[in-house]
Amino acid sequence: MGIIGHDRVLVSLAAPHFINSRIKETKRLSINLVTEEMLPEVDYVGSVSGKKTDKSAVFPYDRAENGTPIIRQAPLTMACTVADVYNTPGFESFICTIDGTYVEESCLNDAGKVDYSVLKPVLFEFPTYCYLKTGDVIGKCLSFKRAPGQENS
């Protein structure tokens, strides 16, 4: 998943994946951020094809307002509508608008915004096929305002 604007996200999937045809048919998908505790199930559903295996019972789920499945255990889910599909060799990239965002209350800060230091979503790093831990804040945007190579003044 990638952010491509304030109003769009991109989900890129290998073209042969079974789910792609369903996404193109319904024009809908959900993005479920997962936690480290969910990895055994996440790794399983990512390693078997929906063409050969019914994975619908692995995670209990509900339906978002737009009809997409949202995993109950996922601390943050975005229900999306596909606005466009961008094809590259071997991949289909779904450019989506976000219809709704569902977040566990425990993952919100006092201002009602997502607190990623609490959520700690797992990232999947494609080239090495590794899962990465996230969540540590290392600095605020625009807090490093000096030019590269200059000492603190």
Foldseek 3Di string as FASTA:
>chain_A
DADDDPFKGKDKDFVVAPCVVVCVVLQKEKDFFADPVCVVLVVVVVPDGCVVDPSCPSADWDADPSGYTYGPRGQKMFIWGFPDWDDDVRMIMTMTGTPDMHGDPVQADPVRHGQQLRNFTWDQDPPVRDIDTDRDDPDDPPPPVDDPPDDDD
